């Protein structure tokens, strides 16, 4: 599959910009071990569909459809994306809410 390229004005210069989705080219930031505070981790018997705010390595915040796969009292480990661009990351519990619907079957995988 060919990736389309576009020209974009960036700081008075023209640069080629790929239309590859952010998930394919970036990695989400995850909470550190210190932030998880060595709390006991509960693993989900079956992953729970959620919506979660993630922060990418370039600082961009994005709401993603995901699965909660583990949690502590303050944080949730989520899984989102499609292989080979599937991510596992820890986010604050306040950044996660249970998914209520899966419109068109396009929810998390």
Protein backbone atom coordinates (compact mmCIF):
# COMPACT_ATOMS: atom_id res chain seq x y z
CA UNK A 1 0.00 0.00 0.00
CA UNK A 2 1.45 3.34 -1.01
CA UNK A 3 1.47 6.18 1.47
CA UNK A 4 0.32 9.50 0.07
CA UNK A 5 2.63 12.44 0.66
CA UNK A 6 1.61 16.08 0.92
CA UNK A 7 3.50 19.34 1.16
CA UNK A 8 2.93 21.41 4.26
CA UNK A 9 4.14 24.88 5.22
CA UNK A 10 6.24 24.46 8.36
CA UNK A 11 8.15 27.46 9.72
CA UNK A 12 8.56 29.08 6.29
CA UNK A 13 9.83 25.87 4.67
CA UNK A 14 8.03 23.22 2.66
CA UNK A 15 8.27 19.71 4.08
CA UNK A 16 6.91 16.36 2.96
CA UNK A 17 4.29 15.12 5.40
CA UNK A 18 3.19 11.50 5.46
CA UNK A 19 -0.47 10.65 5.93
CA UNK A 20 0.47 7.64 8.07
CA UNK A 21 -1.67 7.66 11.22
CA UNK A 22 0.00 8.94 14.41
CA UNK A 23 -0.26 5.47 15.97
CA UNK A 24 2.01 4.03 13.30
CA UNK A 25 4.77 6.58 13.76
CA UNK A 26 4.67 7.62 17.44
CA UNK A 27 4.59 5.99 20.86
CA UNK A 28 2.33 6.98 23.75
CA UNK A 29 3.84 8.16 27.02
CA UNK A 30 3.31 5.80 29.92
CA UNK A 31 3.29 6.48 33.65
CA UNK A 32 6.58 5.72 35.39
CA UNK A 33 7.12 3.12 38.11
CA UNK A 34 7.34 5.97 40.65
CA UNK A 35 3.94 7.25 39.53
CA UNK A 36 2.44 3.79 39.88
CA UNK A 37 3.70 3.84 43.52
CA UNK A 38 4.14 0.07 43.74
CA UNK A 39 0.39 -0.44 44.20
CA UNK A 40 -0.92 -3.92 43.70
CA UNK A 41 -1.98 -4.48 40.09
CA UNK A 42 -5.29 -6.16 39.28
CA UNK A 43 -5.41 -7.86 35.89
CA UNK A 44 -8.68 -7.91 33.99
CA UNK A 45 -10.16 -11.38 33.61
CA UNK A 46 -11.54 -10.09 30.33
CA UNK A 47 -10.44 -6.71 28.91
CA UNK A 48 -12.97 -3.88 29.38
CA UNK A 49 -13.81 -1.49 26.51
CA UNK A 50 -12.91 2.09 27.43
CA UNK A 51 -12.16 5.51 26.03
CA UNK A 52 -8.91 6.97 27.30
CA UNK A 53 -6.85 10.12 26.89
CA UNK A 54 -3.26 9.32 25.93
CA UNK A 55 -0.34 11.70 25.56
CA UNK A 56 1.99 10.92 22.66
CA UNK A 57 5.77 11.32 22.84
CA UNK A 58 5.45 14.64 20.97
CA UNK A 59 3.05 15.99 23.62
CA UNK A 60 -0.15 15.70 21.57
CA UNK A 61 -3.15 14.46 23.57
CA UNK A 62 -5.67 12.15 21.89
CA UNK A 63 -8.84 10.35 22.97
CA UNK A 64 -8.57 6.71 21.88
CA UNK A 65 -10.82 3.65 21.96
CA UNK A 66 -9.00 1.03 23.99
CA UNK A 67 -9.26 -1.92 26.35
CA UNK A 68 -8.43 -1.73 30.05
CA UNK A 69 -6.26 -4.76 30.76
CA UNK A 70 -5.01 -3.98 34.30
CA UNK A 71 -5.36 -1.32 36.97
CA UNK A 72 -4.26 -0.02 40.34
CA UNK A 73 -6.27 2.31 42.60
CA UNK A 74 -4.85 5.32 40.65
CA UNK A 75 -3.90 4.09 37.17
CA UNK A 76 -5.14 1.92 34.29
CA UNK A 77 -3.11 -0.06 31.77
CA UNK A 78 -4.76 0.19 28.35
CA UNK A 79 -4.25 -1.62 25.05
CA UNK A 80 -5.16 0.07 21.77
CA UNK A 81 -4.30 0.08 18.10
CA UNK A 82 -4.09 -2.71 15.58
CA UNK A 83 -1.08 -5.04 15.17
CA UNK A 84 1.66 -4.33 14.32
CA UNK A 85 0.92 -0.88 15.81
CA UNK A 86 -0.68 -2.02 19.05
CA UNK A 87 0.24 -0.15 22.22
CA UNK A 88 0.14 -0.98 25.93
CA UNK A 89 0.48 2.03 28.20
CA UNK A 90 -0.36 3.15 31.73
CA UNK A 91 -2.54 6.27 32.16
CA UNK A 92 -4.13 7.96 35.17
CA UNK A 93 -7.48 6.45 36.14
CA UNK A 94 -9.14 9.87 35.66
CA UNK A 95 -8.19 9.78 31.96
CA UNK A 96 -10.29 6.63 31.38
CA UNK A 97 -14.04 6.06 31.09
CA UNK A 98 -16.01 2.95 30.21
CA UNK A 99 -17.09 2.80 26.58
CA UNK A 100 -20.86 2.92 26.22
CA UNK A 101 -21.20 2.03 22.53
CA UNK A 102 -19.17 0.69 19.66
CA UNK A 103 -20.56 2.56 16.64
CA UNK A 104 -20.24 0.57 13.45
CA UNK A 105 -18.03 -2.04 15.05
CA UNK A 106 -15.00 0.24 14.77
CA UNK A 107 -14.06 0.20 18.45
CA UNK A 108 -10.85 -1.00 20.04
CA UNK A 109 -9.16 -4.21 19.01
